[in-house]
Amino acid sequence: ITFVSYTAYHLSRRPLSVVKNVLSQNCSTLKPPPDV
């Protein structure tokens, strides 16, 4: 139960490091959607 507990703690701590890539990215390499 303590293993599961801290797995959950760290699971919830990880997303920001992944989401950084879409919060700030090089838009020149991407194709904009029709509504932009």
Full PDB file with SEQRES, HELIX, SHEET, SSBOND, CRYST1, ORIGX, SCALE, CONECT and MASTER records, all heavy atoms in Angstrom:
SEQRES   1 A   36  ILE THR PHE VAL SER TYR THR ALA TYR HIS LEU SER ARG          
SEQRES   2 A   36  ARG PRO LEU SER VAL VAL LYS ASN VAL LEU SER GLN ASN          
SEQRES   3 A   36  CYS SER THR LEU LYS PRO PRO PRO ASP VAL                      
HELIX    1 AA1 THR A    2  ARG A   13  1                                  12    
HELIX    2 AA2 PRO A   15  LEU A   23  1                                   9    
HELIX    3 AA3 CYS A   27  THR A   29  5                                   3    
CRYST1    1.000    1.000    1.000  90.00  90.00  90.00 P 1           1          
ORIGX1      1.000000  0.000000  0.000000        0.00000                         
ORIGX2      0.000000  1.000000  0.000000        0.00000                         
ORIGX3      0.000000  0.000000  1.000000        0.00000                         
SCALE1      1.000000  0.000000  0.000000        0.00000                         
SCALE2      0.000000  1.000000  0.000000        0.00000                         
SCALE3      0.000000  0.000000  1.000000        0.00000                         
ATOM      1  N   ILE A   1       0.817  -1.207   0.000  1.00  0.00           N  
ATOM      2  CA  ILE A   1       0.000   0.000   0.000  1.00  0.00           C  
ATOM      3  C   ILE A   1       0.858   1.268   0.000  1.00  0.00           C  
ATOM      4  O   ILE A   1       0.511   2.267  -0.630  1.00  0.00           O  
ATOM      5  CB  ILE A   1      -0.998  -0.003   1.182  1.00  0.00           C  
ATOM      6  CG1 ILE A   1      -2.060   1.079   0.956  1.00  0.00           C  
ATOM      7  CG2 ILE A   1      -0.293   0.199   2.521  1.00  0.00           C  
ATOM      8  CD1 ILE A   1      -3.217   1.005   1.943  1.00  0.00           C  
ATOM      9  N   THR A   2       2.013   1.235   0.680  1.00  0.00           N  
ATOM     10  CA  THR A   2       2.894   2.405   0.642  1.00  0.00           C  
ATOM     11  C   THR A   2       3.555   2.540  -0.730  1.00  0.00           C  
ATOM     12  O   THR A   2       3.792   3.664  -1.206  1.00  0.00           O  
ATOM     13  CB  THR A   2       3.975   2.322   1.733  1.00  0.00           C  
ATOM     14  OG1 THR A   2       4.678   1.076   1.633  1.00  0.00           O  
ATOM     15  CG2 THR A   2       3.360   2.430   3.119  1.00  0.00           C  
ATOM     16  N   PHE A   3       3.835   1.404  -1.379  1.00  0.00           N  
ATOM     17  CA  PHE A   3       4.391   1.432  -2.732  1.00  0.00           C  
ATOM     18  C   PHE A   3       3.411   2.103  -3.693  1.00  0.00           C  
ATOM     19  O   PHE A   3       3.776   2.993  -4.470  1.00  0.00           O  
ATOM     20  CB  PHE A   3       4.693   0.007  -3.193  1.00  0.00           C  
ATOM     21  CG  PHE A   3       5.355  -0.081  -4.545  1.00  0.00           C  
ATOM     22  CD1 PHE A   3       6.732  -0.144  -4.651  1.00  0.00           C  
ATOM     23  CD2 PHE A   3       4.602  -0.107  -5.705  1.00  0.00           C  
ATOM     24  CE1 PHE A   3       7.353  -0.226  -5.884  1.00  0.00           C  
ATOM     25  CE2 PHE A   3       5.208  -0.179  -6.951  1.00  0.00           C  
ATOM     26  CZ  PHE A   3       6.591  -0.243  -7.036  1.00  0.00           C  
ATOM     27  N   VAL A   4       2.152   1.679  -3.640  1.00  0.00           N  
ATOM     28  CA  VAL A   4       1.117   2.258  -4.503  1.00  0.00           C  
ATOM     29  C   VAL A   4       0.949   3.746  -4.215  1.00  0.00           C  
ATOM     30  O   VAL A   4       0.786   4.564  -5.127  1.00  0.00           O  
ATOM     31  CB  VAL A   4      -0.214   1.514  -4.312  1.00  0.00           C  
ATOM     32  CG1 VAL A   4      -1.363   2.249  -5.002  1.00  0.00           C  
ATOM     33  CG2 VAL A   4      -0.109   0.089  -4.849  1.00  0.00           C  
ATOM     34  N   SER A   5       1.011   4.096  -2.936  1.00  0.00           N  
ATOM     35  CA  SER A   5       0.813   5.482  -2.531  1.00  0.00           C  
ATOM     36  C   SER A   5       1.841   6.410  -3.162  1.00  0.00           C  
ATOM     37  O   SER A   5       1.491   7.426  -3.773  1.00  0.00           O  
ATOM     38  CB  SER A   5       0.881   5.591  -1.001  1.00  0.00           C  
ATOM     39  OG  SER A   5       0.827   6.937  -0.583  1.00  0.00           O  
ATOM     40  N   TYR A   6       3.134   6.060  -3.047  1.00  0.00           N  
ATOM     41  CA  TYR A   6       4.130   6.988  -3.579  1.00  0.00           C  
ATOM     42  C   TYR A   6       4.265   6.891  -5.090  1.00  0.00           C  
ATOM     43  O   TYR A   6       4.720   7.838  -5.731  1.00  0.00           O  
ATOM     44  CB  TYR A   6       5.486   6.809  -2.901  1.00  0.00           C  
ATOM     45  CG  TYR A   6       6.182   8.148  -2.779  1.00  0.00           C  
ATOM     46  CD1 TYR A   6       5.740   9.076  -1.841  1.00  0.00           C  
ATOM     47  CD2 TYR A   6       7.219   8.514  -3.623  1.00  0.00           C  
ATOM     48  CE1 TYR A   6       6.332  10.327  -1.749  1.00  0.00           C  
ATOM     49  CE2 TYR A   6       7.817   9.761  -3.529  1.00  0.00           C  
ATOM     50  CZ  TYR A   6       7.370  10.666  -2.590  1.00  0.00           C  
ATOM     51  OH  TYR A   6       7.938  11.908  -2.508  1.00  0.00           O  
ATOM     52  N   THR A   7       3.865   5.765  -5.668  1.00  0.00           N  
ATOM     53  CA  THR A   7       3.767   5.701  -7.128  1.00  0.00           C  
ATOM     54  C   THR A   7       2.781   6.752  -7.615  1.00  0.00           C  
ATOM     55  O   THR A   7       3.039   7.461  -8.598  1.00  0.00           O  
ATOM     56  CB  THR A   7       3.311   4.304  -7.579  1.00  0.00           C  
ATOM     57  OG1 THR A   7       4.275   3.325  -7.188  1.00  0.00           O  
ATOM     58  CG2 THR A   7       3.153   4.249  -9.093  1.00  0.00           C  
ATOM     59  N   ALA A   8       1.649   6.869  -6.910  1.00  0.00           N  
ATOM     60  CA  ALA A   8       0.637   7.856  -7.279  1.00  0.00           C  
ATOM     61  C   ALA A   8       1.157   9.274  -7.089  1.00  0.00           C  
ATOM     62  O   ALA A   8       0.899  10.162  -7.911  1.00  0.00           O  
ATOM     63  CB  ALA A   8      -0.630   7.636  -6.451  1.00  0.00           C  
ATOM     64  N   TYR A   9       1.890   9.511  -6.003  1.00  0.00           N  
ATOM     65  CA  TYR A   9       2.478  10.838  -5.779  1.00  0.00           C  
ATOM     66  C   TYR A   9       3.336  11.244  -6.978  1.00  0.00           C  
ATOM     67  O   TYR A   9       3.207  12.346  -7.522  1.00  0.00           O  
ATOM     68  CB  TYR A   9       3.361  10.824  -4.526  1.00  0.00           C  
ATOM     69  CG  TYR A   9       2.685  11.244  -3.242  1.00  0.00           C  
ATOM     70  CD1 TYR A   9       2.525  10.335  -2.203  1.00  0.00           C  
ATOM     71  CD2 TYR A   9       2.258  12.541  -3.044  1.00  0.00           C  
ATOM     72  CE1 TYR A   9       1.933  10.715  -0.991  1.00  0.00           C  
ATOM     73  CE2 TYR A   9       1.674  12.935  -1.856  1.00  0.00           C  
ATOM     74  CZ  TYR A   9       1.509  12.019  -0.831  1.00  0.00           C  
ATOM     75  OH  TYR A   9       0.932  12.406   0.350  1.00  0.00           O  
ATOM     76  N   HIS A  10       4.242  10.354  -7.384  1.00  0.00           N  
ATOM     77  CA  HIS A  10       5.160  10.707  -8.466  1.00  0.00           C  
ATOM     78  C   HIS A  10       4.477  10.722  -9.820  1.00  0.00           C  
ATOM     79  O   HIS A  10       4.866  11.493 -10.707  1.00  0.00           O  
ATOM     80  CB  HIS A  10       6.366   9.763  -8.478  1.00  0.00           C  
ATOM     81  CG  HIS A  10       7.611  10.404  -7.958  1.00  0.00           C  
ATOM     82  ND1 HIS A  10       8.611  10.860  -8.768  1.00  0.00           N  
ATOM     83  CD2 HIS A  10       7.995  10.709  -6.701  1.00  0.00           C  
ATOM     84  CE1 HIS A  10       9.577  11.400  -8.038  1.00  0.00           C  
ATOM     85  NE2 HIS A  10       9.223  11.317  -6.782  1.00  0.00           N  
ATOM     86  N   LEU A  11       3.475   9.886 -10.010  1.00  0.00           N  
ATOM     87  CA  LEU A  11       2.713   9.910 -11.252  1.00  0.00           C  
ATOM     88  C   LEU A  11       2.086  11.290 -11.464  1.00  0.00           C  
ATOM     89  O   LEU A  11       2.087  11.830 -12.572  1.00  0.00           O  
ATOM     90  CB  LEU A  11       1.631   8.828 -11.209  1.00  0.00           C  
ATOM     91  CG  LEU A  11       0.812   8.573 -12.470  1.00  0.00           C  
ATOM     92  CD1 LEU A  11       0.393   7.110 -12.520  1.00  0.00           C  
ATOM     93  CD2 LEU A  11      -0.440   9.453 -12.517  1.00  0.00           C  
ATOM     94  N   SER A  12       1.583  11.891 -10.383  1.00  0.00           N  
ATOM     95  CA  SER A  12       0.949  13.209 -10.493  1.00  0.00           C  
ATOM     96  C   SER A  12       1.967  14.338 -10.583  1.00  0.00           C  
ATOM     97  O   SER A  12       1.618  15.476 -10.897  1.00  0.00           O  
ATOM     98  CB  SER A  12       0.032  13.444  -9.287  1.00  0.00           C  
ATOM     99  OG  SER A  12       0.774  13.545  -8.084  1.00  0.00           O  
ATOM    100  N   ARG A  13       3.244  14.040 -10.324  1.00  0.00           N  
ATOM    101  CA  ARG A  13       4.299  15.042 -10.363  1.00  0.00           C  
ATOM    102  C   ARG A  13       4.953  15.134 -11.741  1.00  0.00           C  
ATOM    103  O   ARG A  13       5.594  16.122 -12.079  1.00  0.00           O  
ATOM    104  CB  ARG A  13       5.362  14.684  -9.316  1.00  0.00           C  
ATOM    105  CG  ARG A  13       6.249  15.804  -8.863  1.00  0.00           C  
ATOM    106  CD  ARG A  13       7.189  15.333  -7.766  1.00  0.00           C  
ATOM    107  NE  ARG A  13       6.499  14.930  -6.566  1.00  0.00           N  
ATOM    108  CZ  ARG A  13       7.077  14.419  -5.491  1.00  0.00           C  
ATOM    109  NH1 ARG A  13       8.391  14.243  -5.486  1.00  0.00           N  
ATOM    110  NH2 ARG A  13       6.371  14.076  -4.429  1.00  0.00           N  
ATOM    111  N   ARG A  14       4.770  14.116 -12.548  1.00  0.00           N  
ATOM    112  CA  ARG A  14       5.483  13.994 -13.820  1.00  0.00           C  
ATOM    113  C   ARG A  14       4.906  14.825 -14.975  1.00  0.00           C  
ATOM    114  O   ARG A  14       5.668  15.298 -15.834  1.00  0.00           O  
ATOM    115  CB  ARG A  14       5.496  12.514 -14.220  1.00  0.00           C  
ATOM    116  CG  ARG A  14       6.157  12.192 -15.533  1.00  0.00           C  
ATOM    117  CD  ARG A  14       7.644  12.434 -15.494  1.00  0.00           C  
ATOM    118  NE  ARG A  14       8.320  11.733 -16.569  1.00  0.00           N  
ATOM    119  CZ  ARG A  14       9.587  11.877 -16.877  1.00  0.00           C  
ATOM    120  NH1 ARG A  14      10.340  12.699 -16.187  1.00  0.00           N  
ATOM    121  NH2 ARG A  14      10.121  11.208 -17.866  1.00  0.00           N  
ATOM    122  N   PRO A  15       3.580  15.043 -15.087  1.00  0.00           N  
ATOM    123  CA  PRO A  15       3.006  15.600 -16.315  1.00  0.00           C  
ATOM    124  C   PRO A  15       3.605  16.922 -16.783  1.00  0.00           C  
ATOM    125  O   PRO A  15       3.737  17.139 -17.992  1.00  0.00           O  
ATOM    126  CB  PRO A  15       1.519  15.763 -15.962  1.00  0.00           C  
ATOM    127  CG  PRO A  15       1.253  14.706 -14.966  1.00  0.00           C  
ATOM    128  CD  PRO A  15       2.511  14.637 -14.151  1.00  0.00           C  
ATOM    129  N   LEU A  16       3.961  17.837 -15.871  1.00  0.00           N  
ATOM    130  CA  LEU A  16       4.439  19.139 -16.319  1.00  0.00           C  
ATOM    131  C   LEU A  16       5.672  19.019 -17.197  1.00  0.00           C  
ATOM    132  O   LEU A  16       5.832  19.772 -18.169  1.00  0.00           O  
ATOM    133  CB  LEU A  16       4.726  20.042 -15.116  1.00  0.00           C  
ATOM    134  CG  LEU A  16       5.206  21.462 -15.449  1.00  0.00           C  
ATOM    135  CD1 LEU A  16       4.190  22.180 -16.336  1.00  0.00           C  
ATOM    136  CD2 LEU A  16       5.472  22.260 -14.186  1.00  0.00           C  
ATOM    137  N   SER A  17       6.562  18.069 -16.886  1.00  0.00           N  
ATOM    138  CA  SER A  17       7.771  17.924 -17.697  1.00  0.00           C  
ATOM    139  C   SER A  17       7.430  17.522 -19.128  1.00  0.00           C  
ATOM    140  O   SER A  17       8.160  17.862 -20.067  1.00  0.00           O  
ATOM    141  CB  SER A  17       8.705  16.882 -17.068  1.00  0.00           C  
ATOM    142  OG  SER A  17       8.137  15.593 -17.114  1.00  0.00           O  
ATOM    143  N   VAL A  18       6.322  16.796 -19.303  1.00  0.00           N  
ATOM    144  CA  VAL A  18       5.894  16.376 -20.637  1.00  0.00           C  
ATOM    145  C   VAL A  18       5.133  17.494 -21.338  1.00  0.00           C  
ATOM    146  O   VAL A  18       5.339  17.772 -22.525  1.00  0.00           O  
ATOM    147  CB  VAL A  18       5.021  15.104 -20.535  1.00  0.00           C  
ATOM    148  CG1 VAL A  18       4.466  14.715 -21.897  1.00  0.00           C  
ATOM    149  CG2 VAL A  18       5.822  13.951 -19.941  1.00  0.00           C  
ATOM    150  N   VAL A  19       4.264  18.162 -20.597  1.00  0.00           N  
ATOM    151  CA  VAL A  19       3.407  19.198 -21.173  1.00  0.00           C  
ATOM    152  C   VAL A  19       4.200  20.440 -21.574  1.00  0.00           C  
ATOM    153  O   VAL A  19       3.767  21.223 -22.420  1.00  0.00           O  
ATOM    154  CB  VAL A  19       2.271  19.556 -20.181  1.00  0.00           C  
ATOM    155  CG1 VAL A  19       1.461  20.753 -20.635  1.00  0.00           C  
ATOM    156  CG2 VAL A  19       1.354  18.347 -20.000  1.00  0.00           C  
ATOM    157  N   LYS A  20       5.385  20.640 -20.997  1.00  0.00           N  
ATOM    158  CA  LYS A  20       6.226  21.780 -21.374  1.00  0.00           C  
ATOM    159  C   LYS A  20       6.408  21.873 -22.888  1.00  0.00           C  
ATOM    160  O   LYS A  20       6.501  22.968 -23.452  1.00  0.00           O  
ATOM    161  CB  LYS A  20       7.604  21.658 -20.722  1.00  0.00           C  
ATOM    162  CG  LYS A  20       7.661  22.065 -19.268  1.00  0.00           C  
ATOM    163  CD  LYS A  20       9.047  21.822 -18.714  1.00  0.00           C  
ATOM    164  CE  LYS A  20       9.130  22.194 -17.245  1.00  0.00           C  
ATOM    165  NZ  LYS A  20      10.448  21.877 -16.676  1.00  0.00           N  
ATOM    166  N   ASN A  21       6.473  20.723 -23.549  1.00  0.00           N  
ATOM    167  CA  ASN A  21       6.744  20.711 -24.978  1.00  0.00           C  
ATOM    168  C   ASN A  21       5.618  21.348 -25.793  1.00  0.00           C  
ATOM    169  O   ASN A  21       5.863  21.848 -26.893  1.00  0.00           O  
ATOM    170  CB  ASN A  21       6.984  19.278 -25.466  1.00  0.00           C  
ATOM    171  CG  ASN A  21       8.332  18.741 -25.043  1.00  0.00           C  
ATOM    172  OD1 ASN A  21       9.306  19.478 -25.007  1.00  0.00           O  
ATOM    173  ND2 ASN A  21       8.401  17.472 -24.706  1.00  0.00           N  
ATOM    174  N   VAL A  22       4.385  21.318 -25.296  1.00  0.00           N  
ATOM    175  CA  VAL A  22       3.292  21.947 -26.043  1.00  0.00           C  
ATOM    176  C   VAL A  22       2.948  23.325 -25.497  1.00  0.00           C  
ATOM    177  O   VAL A  22       2.293  24.117 -26.177  1.00  0.00           O  
ATOM    178  CB  VAL A  22       2.025  21.056 -26.042  1.00  0.00           C  
ATOM    179  CG1 VAL A  22       2.288  19.767 -26.781  1.00  0.00           C  
ATOM    180  CG2 VAL A  22       1.530  20.778 -24.639  1.00  0.00           C  
ATOM    181  N   LEU A  23       3.351  23.621 -24.265  1.00  0.00           N  
ATOM    182  CA  LEU A  23       3.155  24.974 -23.756  1.00  0.00           C  
ATOM    183  C   LEU A  23       4.052  25.946 -24.503  1.00  0.00           C  
ATOM    184  O   LEU A  23       3.687  27.097 -24.744  1.00  0.00           O  
ATOM    185  CB  LEU A  23       3.455  25.028 -22.248  1.00  0.00           C  
ATOM    186  CG  LEU A  23       2.518  24.237 -21.339  1.00  0.00           C  
ATOM    187  CD1 LEU A  23       2.965  24.361 -19.884  1.00  0.00           C  
ATOM    188  CD2 LEU A  23       1.074  24.700 -21.485  1.00  0.00           C  
ATOM    189  N   SER A  24       5.250  25.476 -24.848  1.00  0.00           N  
ATOM    190  CA  SER A  24       6.196  26.304 -25.602  1.00  0.00           C  
ATOM    191  C   SER A  24       6.870  25.420 -26.640  1.00  0.00           C  
ATOM    192  O   SER A  24       7.617  24.511 -26.304  1.00  0.00           O  
ATOM    193  CB  SER A  24       7.237  26.903 -24.663  1.00  0.00           C  
ATOM    194  OG  SER A  24       8.259  27.552 -25.378  1.00  0.00           O  
ATOM    195  N   GLN A  25       6.581  25.689 -27.938  1.00  0.00           N  
ATOM    196  CA  GLN A  25       7.152  24.864 -28.994  1.00  0.00           C  
ATOM    197  C   GLN A  25       7.438  25.705 -30.237  1.00  0.00           C  
ATOM    198  O   GLN A  25       6.989  26.847 -30.358  1.00  0.00           O  
ATOM    199  CB  GLN A  25       6.216  23.701 -29.334  1.00  0.00           C  
ATOM    200  CG  GLN A  25       4.800  24.115 -29.680  1.00  0.00           C  
ATOM    201  CD  GLN A  25       3.882  22.919 -29.835  1.00  0.00           C  
ATOM    202  OE1 GLN A  25       4.284  21.859 -30.311  1.00  0.00           O  
ATOM    203  NE2 GLN A  25       2.637  23.071 -29.434  1.00  0.00           N  
ATOM    204  N   ASN A  26       8.186  25.119 -31.137  1.00  0.00           N  
ATOM    205  CA  ASN A  26       8.556  25.789 -32.388  1.00  0.00           C  
ATOM    206  C   ASN A  26       7.416  25.627 -33.388  1.00  0.00           C  
ATOM    207  O   ASN A  26       7.275  24.596 -34.030  1.00  0.00           O  
ATOM    208  CB  ASN A  26       9.850  25.188 -32.934  1.00  0.00           C  
ATOM    209  CG  ASN A  26      10.332  25.902 -34.178  1.00  0.00           C  
ATOM    210  OD1 ASN A  26       9.730  26.875 -34.639  1.00  0.00           O  
ATOM    211  ND2 ASN A  26      11.434  25.417 -34.737  1.00  0.00           N  
ATOM    212  N   CYS A  27       6.583  26.651 -33.532  1.00  0.00           N  
ATOM    213  CA  CYS A  27       5.386  26.556 -34.358  1.00  0.00           C  
ATOM    214  C   CYS A  27       5.688  26.526 -35.851  1.00  0.00           C  
ATOM    215  O   CYS A  27       4.834  26.132 -36.655  1.00  0.00           O  
ATOM    216  CB  CYS A  27       4.451  27.725 -34.050  1.00  0.00           C  
ATOM    217  SG  CYS A  27       3.957  27.831 -32.318  1.00  0.00           S  
ATOM    218  N   SER A  28       6.883  26.951 -36.233  1.00  0.00           N  
ATOM    219  CA  SER A  28       7.217  27.007 -37.666  1.00  0.00           C  
ATOM    220  C   SER A  28       7.289  25.621 -38.293  1.00  0.00           C  
ATOM    221  O   SER A  28       7.204  25.490 -39.522  1.00  0.00           O  
ATOM    222  CB  SER A  28       8.548  27.733 -37.865  1.00  0.00           C  
ATOM    223  OG  SER A  28       9.604  27.026 -37.228  1.00  0.00           O  
ATOM    224  N   THR A  29       7.429  24.607 -37.475  1.00  0.00           N  
ATOM    225  CA  THR A  29       7.527  23.237 -38.002  1.00  0.00           C  
ATOM    226  C   THR A  29       6.171  22.536 -38.046  1.00  0.00           C  
ATOM    227  O   THR A  29       6.095  21.379 -38.451  1.00  0.00           O  
ATOM    228  CB  THR A  29       8.485  22.400 -37.136  1.00  0.00           C  
ATOM    229  OG1 THR A  29       7.958  22.323 -35.797  1.00  0.00           O  
ATOM    230  CG2 THR A  29       9.866  23.034 -37.084  1.00  0.00           C  
ATOM    231  N   LEU A  30       5.106  23.213 -37.594  1.00  0.00           N  
ATOM    232  CA  LEU A  30       3.788  22.600 -37.503  1.00  0.00           C  
ATOM    233  C   LEU A  30       2.817  23.223 -38.497  1.00  0.00           C  
ATOM    234  O   LEU A  30       2.951  24.386 -38.887  1.00  0.00           O  
ATOM    235  CB  LEU A  30       3.239  22.746 -36.072  1.00  0.00           C  
ATOM    236  CG  LEU A  30       4.091  22.143 -34.947  1.00  0.00           C  
ATOM    237  CD1 LEU A  30       3.494  22.489 -33.598  1.00  0.00           C  
ATOM    238  CD2 LEU A  30       4.200  20.634 -35.107  1.00  0.00           C  
ATOM    239  N   LYS A  31       1.830  22.438 -38.869  1.00  0.00           N  
ATOM    240  CA  LYS A  31       0.795  22.924 -39.784  1.00  0.00           C  
ATOM    241  C   LYS A  31      -0.386  23.446 -38.980  1.00  0.00           C  
ATOM    242  O   LYS A  31      -0.963  22.706 -38.176  1.00  0.00           O  
ATOM    243  CB  LYS A  31       0.340  21.796 -40.709  1.00  0.00           C  
ATOM    244  CG  LYS A  31      -0.699  22.238 -41.729  1.00  0.00           C  
ATOM    245  CD  LYS A  31      -1.096  21.071 -42.628  1.00  0.00           C  
ATOM    246  CE  LYS A  31      -2.146  21.528 -43.643  1.00  0.00           C  
ATOM    247  NZ  LYS A  31      -2.563  20.406 -44.536  1.00  0.00           N  
ATOM    248  N   PRO A  32      -0.768  24.706 -39.156  1.00  0.00           N  
ATOM    249  CA  PRO A  32      -1.871  25.261 -38.362  1.00  0.00           C  
ATOM    250  C   PRO A  32      -3.213  24.688 -38.799  1.00  0.00           C  
ATOM    251  O   PRO A  32      -3.409  24.357 -39.975  1.00  0.00           O  
ATOM    252  CB  PRO A  32      -1.787  26.760 -38.661  1.00  0.00           C  
ATOM    253  CG  PRO A  32      -1.138  26.854 -39.993  1.00  0.00           C  
ATOM    254  CD  PRO A  32      -0.181  25.705 -40.052  1.00  0.00           C  
ATOM    255  N   PRO A  33      -4.164  24.543 -37.885  1.00  0.00           N  
ATOM    256  CA  PRO A  33      -5.515  24.087 -38.240  1.00  0.00           C  
ATOM    257  C   PRO A  33      -6.243  25.159 -39.049  1.00  0.00           C  
ATOM    258  O   PRO A  33      -5.840  26.335 -39.038  1.00  0.00           O  
ATOM    259  CB  PRO A  33      -6.174  23.862 -36.878  1.00  0.00           C  
ATOM    260  CG  PRO A  33      -5.420  24.732 -35.933  1.00  0.00           C  
ATOM    261  CD  PRO A  33      -4.022  24.785 -36.447  1.00  0.00           C  
ATOM    262  N   PRO A  34      -7.326  24.804 -39.732  1.00  0.00           N  
ATOM    263  CA  PRO A  34      -8.030  25.766 -40.593  1.00  0.00           C  
ATOM    264  C   PRO A  34      -8.572  26.984 -39.857  1.00  0.00           C  
ATOM    265  O   PRO A  34      -8.686  28.060 -40.443  1.00  0.00           O  
ATOM    266  CB  PRO A  34      -9.173  24.924 -41.183  1.00  0.00           C  
ATOM    267  CG  PRO A  34      -8.711  23.509 -41.068  1.00  0.00           C  
ATOM    268  CD  PRO A  34      -7.876  23.448 -39.839  1.00  0.00           C  
ATOM    269  N   ASP A  35      -8.907  26.827 -38.564  1.00  0.00           N  
ATOM    270  CA  ASP A  35      -9.528  27.935 -37.829  1.00  0.00           C  
ATOM    271  C   ASP A  35      -8.513  28.913 -37.242  1.00  0.00           C  
ATOM    272  O   ASP A  35      -8.890  29.869 -36.565  1.00  0.00           O  
ATOM    273  CB  ASP A  35     -10.419  27.396 -36.712  1.00  0.00           C  
ATOM    274  CG  ASP A  35      -9.653  26.531 -35.724  1.00  0.00           C  
ATOM    275  OD1 ASP A  35      -8.610  25.981 -36.119  1.00  0.00           O  
ATOM    276  OD2 ASP A  35     -10.103  26.409 -34.573  1.00  0.00           O  
ATOM    277  N   VAL A  36      -7.220  28.690 -37.462  1.00  0.00           N  
ATOM    278  CA  VAL A  36      -6.186  29.582 -36.939  1.00  0.00           C  
ATOM    279  C   VAL A  36      -5.673  30.472 -38.076  1.00  0.00           C  
ATOM    280  O   VAL A  36      -5.213  29.975 -39.118  1.00  0.00           O  
ATOM    281  CB  VAL A  36      -5.023  28.791 -36.315  1.00  0.00           C  
ATOM    282  CG1 VAL A  36      -3.905  29.743 -35.901  1.00  0.00           C  
ATOM    283  CG2 VAL A  36      -5.513  28.000 -35.117  1.00  0.00           C  
TER     284      VAL A  36                                                      
MASTER        0    0    0    3    0    0    0    6  283    1    0    3          
END                                                                             
